[in-house]
């Protein structure tokens, strides 16, 4: 799991995207992933 985390964090903008997602209130989150 450490390797996966390091890989994700090496993608430009991913760290900020994860942080934004963590700050999103639950009632604003989608119930379905949409993929």
N, C-alpha and C. Protein backbone atom coordinates (compact mmCIF):
# COMPACT_ATOMS: atom_id res chain seq x y z
N UNK A 1 0.82 -1.20 0.00
CA UNK A 1 0.00 0.00 0.00
C UNK A 1 0.87 1.27 0.00
N UNK A 2 2.05 1.19 0.54
CA UNK A 2 2.96 2.35 0.52
C UNK A 2 3.33 2.69 -0.92
N UNK A 3 3.61 1.67 -1.73
CA UNK A 3 3.96 1.92 -3.13
C UNK A 3 2.80 2.57 -3.87
N UNK A 4 1.58 2.12 -3.61
CA UNK A 4 0.41 2.71 -4.27
C UNK A 4 0.25 4.17 -3.87
N UNK A 5 0.43 4.46 -2.58
CA UNK A 5 0.32 5.83 -2.09
C UNK A 5 1.37 6.72 -2.74
N UNK A 6 2.60 6.25 -2.79
CA UNK A 6 3.67 7.03 -3.40
C UNK A 6 3.40 7.26 -4.89
N UNK A 7 2.85 6.25 -5.56
CA UNK A 7 2.51 6.41 -6.97
C UNK A 7 1.44 7.48 -7.14
N UNK A 8 0.38 7.41 -6.35
CA UNK A 8 -0.70 8.39 -6.46
C UNK A 8 -0.19 9.80 -6.19
N UNK A 9 0.67 9.95 -5.18
CA UNK A 9 1.17 11.27 -4.83
C UNK A 9 2.17 11.80 -5.85
N UNK A 10 2.69 10.93 -6.72
CA UNK A 10 3.61 11.39 -7.76
C UNK A 10 2.86 12.00 -8.95
N UNK A 11 1.54 11.81 -9.01
CA UNK A 11 0.73 12.37 -10.10
C UNK A 11 0.47 13.84 -9.79
N UNK A 12 0.82 14.74 -10.72
CA UNK A 12 0.62 16.17 -10.48
C UNK A 12 -0.83 16.50 -10.12
N UNK A 13 -1.02 17.21 -9.02
CA UNK A 13 -2.35 17.64 -8.61
C UNK A 13 -3.13 16.63 -7.77
N UNK A 14 -2.62 15.40 -7.67
CA UNK A 14 -3.36 14.36 -6.95
C UNK A 14 -3.45 14.67 -5.45
N UNK A 15 -2.36 15.13 -4.86
CA UNK A 15 -2.36 15.43 -3.42
C UNK A 15 -3.43 16.47 -3.09
N UNK A 16 -3.50 17.52 -3.90
CA UNK A 16 -4.49 18.58 -3.67
C UNK A 16 -5.91 18.05 -3.88
N UNK A 17 -6.08 17.21 -4.89
CA UNK A 17 -7.39 16.64 -5.18
C UNK A 17 -7.88 15.78 -4.02
N UNK A 18 -6.98 15.00 -3.44
CA UNK A 18 -7.34 14.16 -2.29
C UNK A 18 -7.72 15.03 -1.11
N UNK A 19 -6.94 16.08 -0.87
CA UNK A 19 -7.25 16.98 0.25
C UNK A 19 -8.60 17.66 0.06
N UNK A 20 -8.89 18.10 -1.16
CA UNK A 20 -10.19 18.72 -1.43
C UNK A 20 -11.32 17.73 -1.18
N UNK A 21 -11.12 16.50 -1.60
CA UNK A 21 -12.13 15.47 -1.39
C UNK A 21 -12.38 15.20 0.08
N UNK A 22 -11.33 15.22 0.87
CA UNK A 22 -11.48 14.98 2.31
C UNK A 22 -12.23 16.11 3.00
N UNK A 23 -12.17 17.31 2.42
CA UNK A 23 -12.84 18.47 3.02
C UNK A 23 -14.29 18.61 2.56
N UNK A 24 -14.70 17.80 1.58
CA UNK A 24 -16.06 17.88 1.04
C UNK A 24 -17.05 17.30 2.05
N UNK A 25 -18.09 18.06 2.42
CA UNK A 25 -19.10 17.53 3.34
C UNK A 25 -19.78 16.30 2.73
N UNK A 26 -20.15 15.37 3.58
CA UNK A 26 -20.74 14.11 3.13
C UNK A 26 -22.01 14.33 2.32
N UNK A 27 -22.82 15.33 2.70
CA UNK A 27 -24.07 15.55 1.97
C UNK A 27 -23.85 16.11 0.56
N UNK A 28 -22.62 16.52 0.24
CA UNK A 28 -22.30 17.00 -1.10
C UNK A 28 -21.67 15.90 -1.97
N UNK A 29 -21.43 14.74 -1.38
CA UNK A 29 -20.80 13.65 -2.12
C UNK A 29 -21.83 12.86 -2.92
N UNK A 30 -21.40 12.33 -4.06
CA UNK A 30 -22.28 11.51 -4.90
C UNK A 30 -22.44 10.14 -4.26
N UNK A 31 -23.64 9.58 -4.38
CA UNK A 31 -23.88 8.25 -3.85
C UNK A 31 -23.35 7.16 -4.78
N UNK A 32 -23.29 7.46 -6.08
CA UNK A 32 -22.77 6.53 -7.07
C UNK A 32 -21.49 7.12 -7.66
N UNK A 33 -20.49 6.29 -7.96
CA UNK A 33 -19.23 6.81 -8.47
C UNK A 33 -19.32 7.45 -9.85
N UNK A 34 -20.28 7.05 -10.66
CA UNK A 34 -20.42 7.65 -11.98
C UNK A 34 -19.48 7.08 -13.03
N UNK A 35 -18.88 5.94 -12.77
CA UNK A 35 -18.06 5.33 -13.79
C UNK A 35 -18.67 4.08 -14.19
